[in-house]
Protein backbone atom coordinates (compact mmCIF):
# COMPACT_ATOMS: atom_id res chain seq x y z
CA UNK A 1 0.00 0.00 0.00
CA UNK A 2 1.42 3.39 -0.95
CA UNK A 3 1.51 6.32 1.43
CA UNK A 4 -1.33 8.01 -0.46
CA UNK A 5 -3.60 4.99 -0.43
CA UNK A 6 -2.81 4.42 3.26
CA UNK A 7 -3.97 7.94 4.11
CA UNK A 8 -7.15 7.40 2.08
CA UNK A 9 -7.80 3.98 3.58
CA UNK A 10 -7.21 5.24 7.11
CA UNK A 11 -9.59 8.16 6.57
CA UNK A 12 -12.31 5.88 5.21
CA UNK A 13 -11.95 3.80 8.38
CA UNK A 14 -11.86 6.89 10.66
CA UNK A 15 -15.09 8.12 9.11
CA UNK A 16 -16.76 4.77 9.63
CA UNK A 17 -17.41 4.48 5.91
CA UNK A 18 -17.28 1.43 3.76
CA UNK A 19 -15.18 1.33 0.62
CA UNK A 20 -18.43 1.08 -1.34
CA UNK A 21 -19.84 4.26 0.21
CA UNK A 22 -16.63 6.23 -0.26
CA UNK A 23 -16.34 5.02 -3.85
CA UNK A 24 -19.90 5.96 -4.79
CA UNK A 25 -19.56 9.41 -3.24
CA UNK A 26 -16.32 9.92 -5.21
CA UNK A 27 -17.93 8.79 -8.49
CA UNK A 28 -15.98 5.52 -8.55
CA UNK A 29 -17.12 1.94 -8.48
CA UNK A 30 -16.39 0.04 -5.27
CA UNK A 31 -14.29 -2.46 -7.25
CA UNK A 32 -12.16 0.34 -8.73
CA UNK A 33 -11.48 1.89 -5.32
CA UNK A 34 -10.79 -1.51 -3.76
CA UNK A 35 -8.27 -2.40 -6.47
CA UNK A 36 -6.64 1.01 -6.05
CA UNK A 37 -6.32 0.64 -2.29
CA UNK A 38 -4.90 -2.85 -2.73
CA UNK A 39 -2.26 -1.63 -5.18
CA UNK A 40 -3.66 -3.40 -8.22
CA UNK A 41 -4.06 -0.13 -10.12
CA UNK A 42 -2.82 3.44 -9.91
CA UNK A 43 -4.99 6.25 -8.61
CA UNK A 44 -5.82 8.86 -11.24
CA UNK A 45 -5.59 12.56 -10.40
CA UNK A 46 -9.32 13.20 -10.80
CA UNK A 47 -10.09 10.24 -8.54
CA UNK A 48 -7.73 11.62 -5.90
CA UNK A 49 -9.41 15.02 -6.06
CA UNK A 50 -12.86 13.43 -5.67
CA UNK A 51 -11.73 11.23 -2.78
CA UNK A 52 -10.14 14.22 -1.03
CA UNK A 53 -13.42 16.11 -1.36
CA UNK A 54 -15.47 13.19 -0.03
CA UNK A 55 -13.09 12.40 2.82
CA UNK A 56 -12.29 16.03 3.69
CA UNK A 57 -8.58 15.55 3.01
CA UNK A 58 -6.15 18.35 2.17
CA UNK A 59 -2.73 18.13 0.58
CA UNK A 60 -1.20 18.64 4.02
CA UNK A 61 -2.78 15.37 5.14
CA UNK A 62 -0.50 13.54 2.72
CA UNK A 63 2.70 15.21 3.94
CA UNK A 64 2.39 14.87 7.70
CA UNK A 65 5.08 12.57 9.03
CA UNK A 66 2.73 10.83 11.44
CA UNK A 67 0.48 9.86 8.51
CA UNK A 68 3.24 7.62 7.18
CA UNK A 69 4.39 5.91 10.36
PDB file of N, CA and C in Angstrom:
ATOM      1  N   UNK A   1       0.852  -1.182   0.000  1.00  0.00           N
ATOM      2  CA  UNK A   1       0.000   0.000   0.000  1.00  0.00           C
ATOM      3  C   UNK A   1       0.893   1.240   0.000  1.00  0.00           C
ATOM      4  N   UNK A   2       0.628   2.160  -0.893  1.00  0.00           N
ATOM      5  CA  UNK A   2       1.423   3.388  -0.954  1.00  0.00           C
ATOM      6  C   UNK A   2       1.010   4.324   0.177  1.00  0.00           C
ATOM      7  N   UNK A   3       1.821   5.346   0.395  1.00  0.00           N
ATOM      8  CA  UNK A   3       1.506   6.323   1.432  1.00  0.00           C
ATOM      9  C   UNK A   3       0.171   7.006   1.161  1.00  0.00           C
ATOM     10  N   UNK A   4      -0.084   7.328  -0.087  1.00  0.00           N
ATOM     11  CA  UNK A   4      -1.326   8.012  -0.461  1.00  0.00           C
ATOM     12  C   UNK A   4      -2.527   7.116  -0.195  1.00  0.00           C
ATOM     13  N   UNK A   5      -2.456   5.880  -0.637  1.00  0.00           N
ATOM     14  CA  UNK A   5      -3.595   4.990  -0.434  1.00  0.00           C
ATOM     15  C   UNK A   5      -3.777   4.651   1.044  1.00  0.00           C
ATOM     16  N   UNK A   6      -2.695   4.656   1.816  1.00  0.00           N
ATOM     17  CA  UNK A   6      -2.813   4.419   3.258  1.00  0.00           C
ATOM     18  C   UNK A   6      -3.581   5.562   3.912  1.00  0.00           C
ATOM     19  N   UNK A   7      -3.262   6.786   3.553  1.00  0.00           N
ATOM     20  CA  UNK A   7      -3.973   7.941   4.111  1.00  0.00           C
ATOM     21  C   UNK A   7      -5.464   7.851   3.762  1.00  0.00           C
ATOM     22  N   UNK A   8      -5.755   7.516   2.518  1.00  0.00           N
ATOM     23  CA  UNK A   8      -7.153   7.402   2.084  1.00  0.00           C
ATOM     24  C   UNK A   8      -7.856   6.274   2.830  1.00  0.00           C
ATOM     25  N   UNK A   9      -7.215   5.128   2.898  1.00  0.00           N
ATOM     26  CA  UNK A   9      -7.799   3.984   3.577  1.00  0.00           C
ATOM     27  C   UNK A   9      -8.040   4.277   5.060  1.00  0.00           C
ATOM     28  N   UNK A  10      -7.060   4.890   5.698  1.00  0.00           N
ATOM     29  CA  UNK A  10      -7.205   5.241   7.115  1.00  0.00           C
ATOM     30  C   UNK A  10      -8.362   6.212   7.332  1.00  0.00           C
ATOM     31  N   UNK A  11      -8.519   7.175   6.428  1.00  0.00           N
ATOM     32  CA  UNK A  11      -9.592   8.162   6.574  1.00  0.00           C
ATOM     33  C   UNK A  11     -10.957   7.513   6.375  1.00  0.00           C
ATOM     34  N   UNK A  12     -11.047   6.604   5.419  1.00  0.00           N
ATOM     35  CA  UNK A  12     -12.309   5.879   5.215  1.00  0.00           C
ATOM     36  C   UNK A  12     -12.687   5.170   6.514  1.00  0.00           C
ATOM     37  N   UNK A  13     -11.708   4.513   7.125  1.00  0.00           N
ATOM     38  CA  UNK A  13     -11.953   3.798   8.380  1.00  0.00           C
ATOM     39  C   UNK A  13     -12.324   4.765   9.506  1.00  0.00           C
ATOM     40  N   UNK A  14     -11.586   5.889   9.620  1.00  0.00           N
ATOM     41  CA  UNK A  14     -11.863   6.886  10.658  1.00  0.00           C
ATOM     42  C   UNK A  14     -13.286   7.423  10.563  1.00  0.00           C
ATOM     43  N   UNK A  15     -13.749   7.581   9.339  1.00  0.00           N
ATOM     44  CA  UNK A  15     -15.095   8.116   9.112  1.00  0.00           C
ATOM     45  C   UNK A  15     -16.188   7.069   9.273  1.00  0.00           C
ATOM     46  N   UNK A  16     -15.784   5.831   9.482  1.00  0.00           N
ATOM     47  CA  UNK A  16     -16.763   4.766   9.633  1.00  0.00           C
ATOM     48  C   UNK A  16     -17.481   4.434   8.333  1.00  0.00           C
ATOM     49  N   UNK A  17     -16.831   4.731   7.234  1.00  0.00           N
ATOM     50  CA  UNK A  17     -17.407   4.479   5.914  1.00  0.00           C
ATOM     51  C   UNK A  17     -16.971   3.116   5.404  1.00  0.00           C
ATOM     52  N   UNK A  18     -17.728   2.603   4.486  1.00  0.00           N
ATOM     53  CA  UNK A  18     -17.282   1.426   3.757  1.00  0.00           C
ATOM     54  C   UNK A  18     -16.589   1.896   2.487  1.00  0.00           C
ATOM     55  N   UNK A  19     -15.821   1.009   1.900  1.00  0.00           N
ATOM     56  CA  UNK A  19     -15.183   1.330   0.619  1.00  0.00           C
ATOM     57  C   UNK A  19     -16.261   1.625  -0.420  1.00  0.00           C
ATOM     58  N   UNK A  20     -17.349   0.885  -0.383  1.00  0.00           N
ATOM     59  CA  UNK A  20     -18.432   1.080  -1.344  1.00  0.00           C
ATOM     60  C   UNK A  20     -19.033   2.473  -1.224  1.00  0.00           C
ATOM     61  N   UNK A  21     -19.260   2.929  -0.001  1.00  0.00           N
ATOM     62  CA  UNK A  21     -19.839   4.259   0.207  1.00  0.00           C
ATOM     63  C   UNK A  21     -18.884   5.351  -0.257  1.00  0.00           C
ATOM     64  N   UNK A  22     -17.624   5.242   0.144  1.00  0.00           N
ATOM     65  CA  UNK A  22     -16.629   6.233  -0.264  1.00  0.00           C
ATOM     66  C   UNK A  22     -16.503   6.270  -1.783  1.00  0.00           C
ATOM     67  N   UNK A  23     -16.479   5.104  -2.392  1.00  0.00           N
ATOM     68  CA  UNK A  23     -16.343   5.024  -3.849  1.00  0.00           C
ATOM     69  C   UNK A  23     -17.510   5.705  -4.544  1.00  0.00           C
ATOM     70  N   UNK A  24     -18.719   5.365  -4.138  1.00  0.00           N
ATOM     71  CA  UNK A  24     -19.899   5.962  -4.792  1.00  0.00           C
ATOM     72  C   UNK A  24     -19.919   7.470  -4.642  1.00  0.00           C
ATOM     73  N   UNK A  25     -19.564   7.962  -3.464  1.00  0.00           N
ATOM     74  CA  UNK A  25     -19.558   9.415  -3.236  1.00  0.00           C
ATOM     75  C   UNK A  25     -18.472  10.111  -4.055  1.00  0.00           C
ATOM     76  N   UNK A  26     -17.424   9.368  -4.413  1.00  0.00           N
ATOM     77  CA  UNK A  26     -16.323   9.917  -5.211  1.00  0.00           C
ATOM     78  C   UNK A  26     -16.467   9.587  -6.693  1.00  0.00           C
ATOM     79  N   UNK A  27     -17.649   9.135  -7.087  1.00  0.00           N
ATOM     80  CA  UNK A  27     -17.929   8.794  -8.494  1.00  0.00           C
ATOM     81  C   UNK A  27     -17.016   7.690  -9.022  1.00  0.00           C
ATOM     82  N   UNK A  28     -16.773   6.694  -8.186  1.00  0.00           N
ATOM     83  CA  UNK A  28     -15.984   5.521  -8.554  1.00  0.00           C
ATOM     84  C   UNK A  28     -16.826   4.286  -8.254  1.00  0.00           C
ATOM     85  N   UNK A  29     -16.467   3.185  -8.865  1.00  0.00           N
ATOM     86  CA  UNK A  29     -17.119   1.939  -8.481  1.00  0.00           C
ATOM     87  C   UNK A  29     -16.376   1.386  -7.263  1.00  0.00           C
ATOM     88  N   UNK A  30     -17.062   0.638  -6.424  1.00  0.00           N
ATOM     89  CA  UNK A  30     -16.385   0.037  -5.272  1.00  0.00           C
ATOM     90  C   UNK A  30     -15.210  -0.856  -5.688  1.00  0.00           C
ATOM     91  N   UNK A  31     -15.371  -1.590  -6.774  1.00  0.00           N
ATOM     92  CA  UNK A  31     -14.293  -2.458  -7.249  1.00  0.00           C
ATOM     93  C   UNK A  31     -13.063  -1.645  -7.632  1.00  0.00           C
ATOM     94  N   UNK A  32     -13.273  -0.517  -8.304  1.00  0.00           N
ATOM     95  CA  UNK A  32     -12.163   0.339  -8.727  1.00  0.00           C
ATOM     96  C   UNK A  32     -11.412   0.877  -7.515  1.00  0.00           C
ATOM     97  N   UNK A  33     -12.133   1.360  -6.521  1.00  0.00           N
ATOM     98  CA  UNK A  33     -11.482   1.887  -5.321  1.00  0.00           C
ATOM     99  C   UNK A  33     -10.776   0.769  -4.564  1.00  0.00           C
ATOM    100  N   UNK A  34     -11.397  -0.376  -4.452  1.00  0.00           N
ATOM    101  CA  UNK A  34     -10.786  -1.506  -3.763  1.00  0.00           C
ATOM    102  C   UNK A  34      -9.478  -1.923  -4.434  1.00  0.00           C
ATOM    103  N   UNK A  35      -9.492  -2.020  -5.751  1.00  0.00           N
ATOM    104  CA  UNK A  35      -8.266  -2.399  -6.474  1.00  0.00           C
ATOM    105  C   UNK A  35      -7.196  -1.336  -6.314  1.00  0.00           C
ATOM    106  N   UNK A  36      -7.597  -0.078  -6.252  1.00  0.00           N
ATOM    107  CA  UNK A  36      -6.641   1.009  -6.049  1.00  0.00           C
ATOM    108  C   UNK A  36      -6.008   0.913  -4.670  1.00  0.00           C
ATOM    109  N   UNK A  37      -6.835   0.718  -3.652  1.00  0.00           N
ATOM    110  CA  UNK A  37      -6.318   0.645  -2.287  1.00  0.00           C
ATOM    111  C   UNK A  37      -5.452  -0.583  -2.069  1.00  0.00           C
ATOM    112  N   UNK A  38      -5.700  -1.628  -2.836  1.00  0.00           N
ATOM    113  CA  UNK A  38      -4.902  -2.854  -2.728  1.00  0.00           C
ATOM    114  C   UNK A  38      -3.662  -2.844  -3.611  1.00  0.00           C
ATOM    115  N   UNK A  39      -3.449  -1.767  -4.353  1.00  0.00           N
ATOM    116  CA  UNK A  39      -2.257  -1.630  -5.176  1.00  0.00           C
ATOM    117  C   UNK A  39      -2.335  -2.289  -6.538  1.00  0.00           C
ATOM    118  N   UNK A  40      -3.517  -2.730  -6.934  1.00  0.00           N
ATOM    119  CA  UNK A  40      -3.663  -3.405  -8.222  1.00  0.00           C
ATOM    120  C   UNK A  40      -3.780  -2.414  -9.385  1.00  0.00           C
ATOM    121  N   UNK A  41      -4.002  -1.155  -9.076  1.00  0.00           N
ATOM    122  CA  UNK A  41      -4.059  -0.126 -10.119  1.00  0.00           C
ATOM    123  C   UNK A  41      -3.642   1.207  -9.506  1.00  0.00           C
ATOM    124  N   UNK A  42      -3.239   2.121 -10.371  1.00  0.00           N
ATOM    125  CA  UNK A  42      -2.820   3.438  -9.909  1.00  0.00           C
ATOM    126  C   UNK A  42      -4.023   4.357  -9.785  1.00  0.00           C
ATOM    127  N   UNK A  43      -3.945   5.256  -8.837  1.00  0.00           N
ATOM    128  CA  UNK A  43      -4.985   6.251  -8.612  1.00  0.00           C
ATOM    129  C   UNK A  43      -4.805   7.390  -9.604  1.00  0.00           C
ATOM    130  N   UNK A  44      -5.869   7.750 -10.294  1.00  0.00           N
ATOM    131  CA  UNK A  44      -5.821   8.864 -11.238  1.00  0.00           C
ATOM    132  C   UNK A  44      -6.024  10.170 -10.484  1.00  0.00           C
ATOM    133  N   UNK A  45      -5.526  11.259 -11.061  1.00  0.00           N
ATOM    134  CA  UNK A  45      -5.593  12.563 -10.404  1.00  0.00           C
ATOM    135  C   UNK A  45      -7.024  12.982 -10.093  1.00  0.00           C
ATOM    136  N   UNK A  46      -7.935  12.785 -11.042  1.00  0.00           N
ATOM    137  CA  UNK A  46      -9.324  13.201 -10.796  1.00  0.00           C
ATOM    138  C   UNK A  46      -9.972  12.353  -9.703  1.00  0.00           C
ATOM    139  N   UNK A  47      -9.571  11.102  -9.605  1.00  0.00           N
ATOM    140  CA  UNK A  47     -10.087  10.238  -8.540  1.00  0.00           C
ATOM    141  C   UNK A  47      -9.576  10.716  -7.185  1.00  0.00           C
ATOM    142  N   UNK A  48      -8.303  11.102  -7.138  1.00  0.00           N
ATOM    143  CA  UNK A  48      -7.725  11.618  -5.902  1.00  0.00           C
ATOM    144  C   UNK A  48      -8.451  12.876  -5.458  1.00  0.00           C
ATOM    145  N   UNK A  49      -8.702  13.781  -6.386  1.00  0.00           N
ATOM    146  CA  UNK A  49      -9.411  15.022  -6.060  1.00  0.00           C
ATOM    147  C   UNK A  49     -10.796  14.704  -5.497  1.00  0.00           C
ATOM    148  N   UNK A  50     -11.521  13.787  -6.142  1.00  0.00           N
ATOM    149  CA  UNK A  50     -12.857  13.426  -5.671  1.00  0.00           C
ATOM    150  C   UNK A  50     -12.806  12.768  -4.296  1.00  0.00           C
ATOM    151  N   UNK A  51     -11.854  11.880  -4.086  1.00  0.00           N
ATOM    152  CA  UNK A  51     -11.728  11.233  -2.777  1.00  0.00           C
ATOM    153  C   UNK A  51     -11.370  12.238  -1.689  1.00  0.00           C
ATOM    154  N   UNK A  52     -10.498  13.177  -2.005  1.00  0.00           N
ATOM    155  CA  UNK A  52     -10.145  14.217  -1.033  1.00  0.00           C
ATOM    156  C   UNK A  52     -11.366  15.045  -0.654  1.00  0.00           C
ATOM    157  N   UNK A  53     -12.198  15.344  -1.625  1.00  0.00           N
ATOM    158  CA  UNK A  53     -13.424  16.105  -1.361  1.00  0.00           C
ATOM    159  C   UNK A  53     -14.352  15.313  -0.448  1.00  0.00           C
ATOM    160  N   UNK A  54     -14.562  14.055  -0.786  1.00  0.00           N
ATOM    161  CA  UNK A  54     -15.475  13.191  -0.032  1.00  0.00           C
ATOM    162  C   UNK A  54     -14.970  12.943   1.392  1.00  0.00           C
ATOM    163  N   UNK A  55     -13.670  12.771   1.529  1.00  0.00           N
ATOM    164  CA  UNK A  55     -13.085  12.404   2.822  1.00  0.00           C
ATOM    165  C   UNK A  55     -12.549  13.602   3.596  1.00  0.00           C
ATOM    166  N   UNK A  56     -12.749  14.803   3.058  1.00  0.00           N
ATOM    167  CA  UNK A  56     -12.286  16.033   3.685  1.00  0.00           C
ATOM    168  C   UNK A  56     -10.782  15.967   3.961  1.00  0.00           C
ATOM    169  N   UNK A  57     -10.031  15.610   2.931  1.00  0.00           N
ATOM    170  CA  UNK A  57      -8.577  15.550   3.014  1.00  0.00           C
ATOM    171  C   UNK A  57      -7.974  16.734   2.277  1.00  0.00           C
ATOM    172  N   UNK A  58      -6.899  17.274   2.820  1.00  0.00           N
ATOM    173  CA  UNK A  58      -6.152  18.354   2.174  1.00  0.00           C
ATOM    174  C   UNK A  58      -4.769  17.825   1.799  1.00  0.00           C
ATOM    175  N   UNK A  59      -4.071  18.560   0.963  1.00  0.00           N
ATOM    176  CA  UNK A  59      -2.727  18.133   0.578  1.00  0.00           C
ATOM    177  C   UNK A  59      -1.820  17.940   1.784  1.00  0.00           C
ATOM    178  N   UNK A  60      -2.006  18.760   2.805  1.00  0.00           N
ATOM    179  CA  UNK A  60      -1.199  18.636   4.017  1.00  0.00           C
ATOM    180  C   UNK A  60      -1.375  17.274   4.684  1.00  0.00           C
ATOM    181  N   UNK A  61      -2.532  16.678   4.535  1.00  0.00           N
ATOM    182  CA  UNK A  61      -2.779  15.368   5.141  1.00  0.00           C
ATOM    183  C   UNK A  61      -1.876  14.286   4.557  1.00  0.00           C
ATOM    184  N   UNK A  62      -1.366  14.519   3.376  1.00  0.00           N
ATOM    185  CA  UNK A  62      -0.495  13.543   2.724  1.00  0.00           C
ATOM    186  C   UNK A  62       0.979  13.786   3.019  1.00  0.00           C
ATOM    187  N   UNK A  63       1.294  14.895   3.682  1.00  0.00           N
ATOM    188  CA  UNK A  63       2.696  15.212   3.938  1.00  0.00           C
ATOM    189  C   UNK A  63       3.058  15.166   5.412  1.00  0.00           C
ATOM    190  N   UNK A  64       2.083  14.947   6.273  1.00  0.00           N
ATOM    191  CA  UNK A  64       2.389  14.867   7.700  1.00  0.00           C
ATOM    192  C   UNK A  64       3.162  13.592   7.999  1.00  0.00           C
ATOM    193  N   UNK A  65       4.234  13.733   8.729  1.00  0.00           N
ATOM    194  CA  UNK A  65       5.080  12.573   9.029  1.00  0.00           C
ATOM    195  C   UNK A  65       4.310  11.483   9.742  1.00  0.00           C
ATOM    196  N   UNK A  66       3.446  11.854  10.680  1.00  0.00           N
ATOM    197  CA  UNK A  66       2.728  10.827  11.436  1.00  0.00           C
ATOM    198  C   UNK A  66       1.754  10.041  10.564  1.00  0.00           C
ATOM    199  N   UNK A  67       1.385  10.579   9.415  1.00  0.00           N
ATOM    200  CA  UNK A  67       0.478   9.861   8.509  1.00  0.00           C
ATOM    201  C   UNK A  67       1.167   8.669   7.863  1.00  0.00           C
ATOM    202  N   UNK A  68       2.508   8.657   7.880  1.00  0.00           N
ATOM    203  CA  UNK A  68       3.240   7.617   7.183  1.00  0.00           C
ATOM    204  C   UNK A  68       4.001   6.685   8.129  1.00  0.00           C
ATOM    205  N   UNK A  69       3.698   6.763   9.387  1.00  0.00           N
ATOM    206  CA  UNK A  69       4.391   5.912  10.357  1.00  0.00           C
ATOM    207  C   UNK A  69       3.762   4.543  10.379  1.00  0.00           C
TER     208      UNK A  69
END
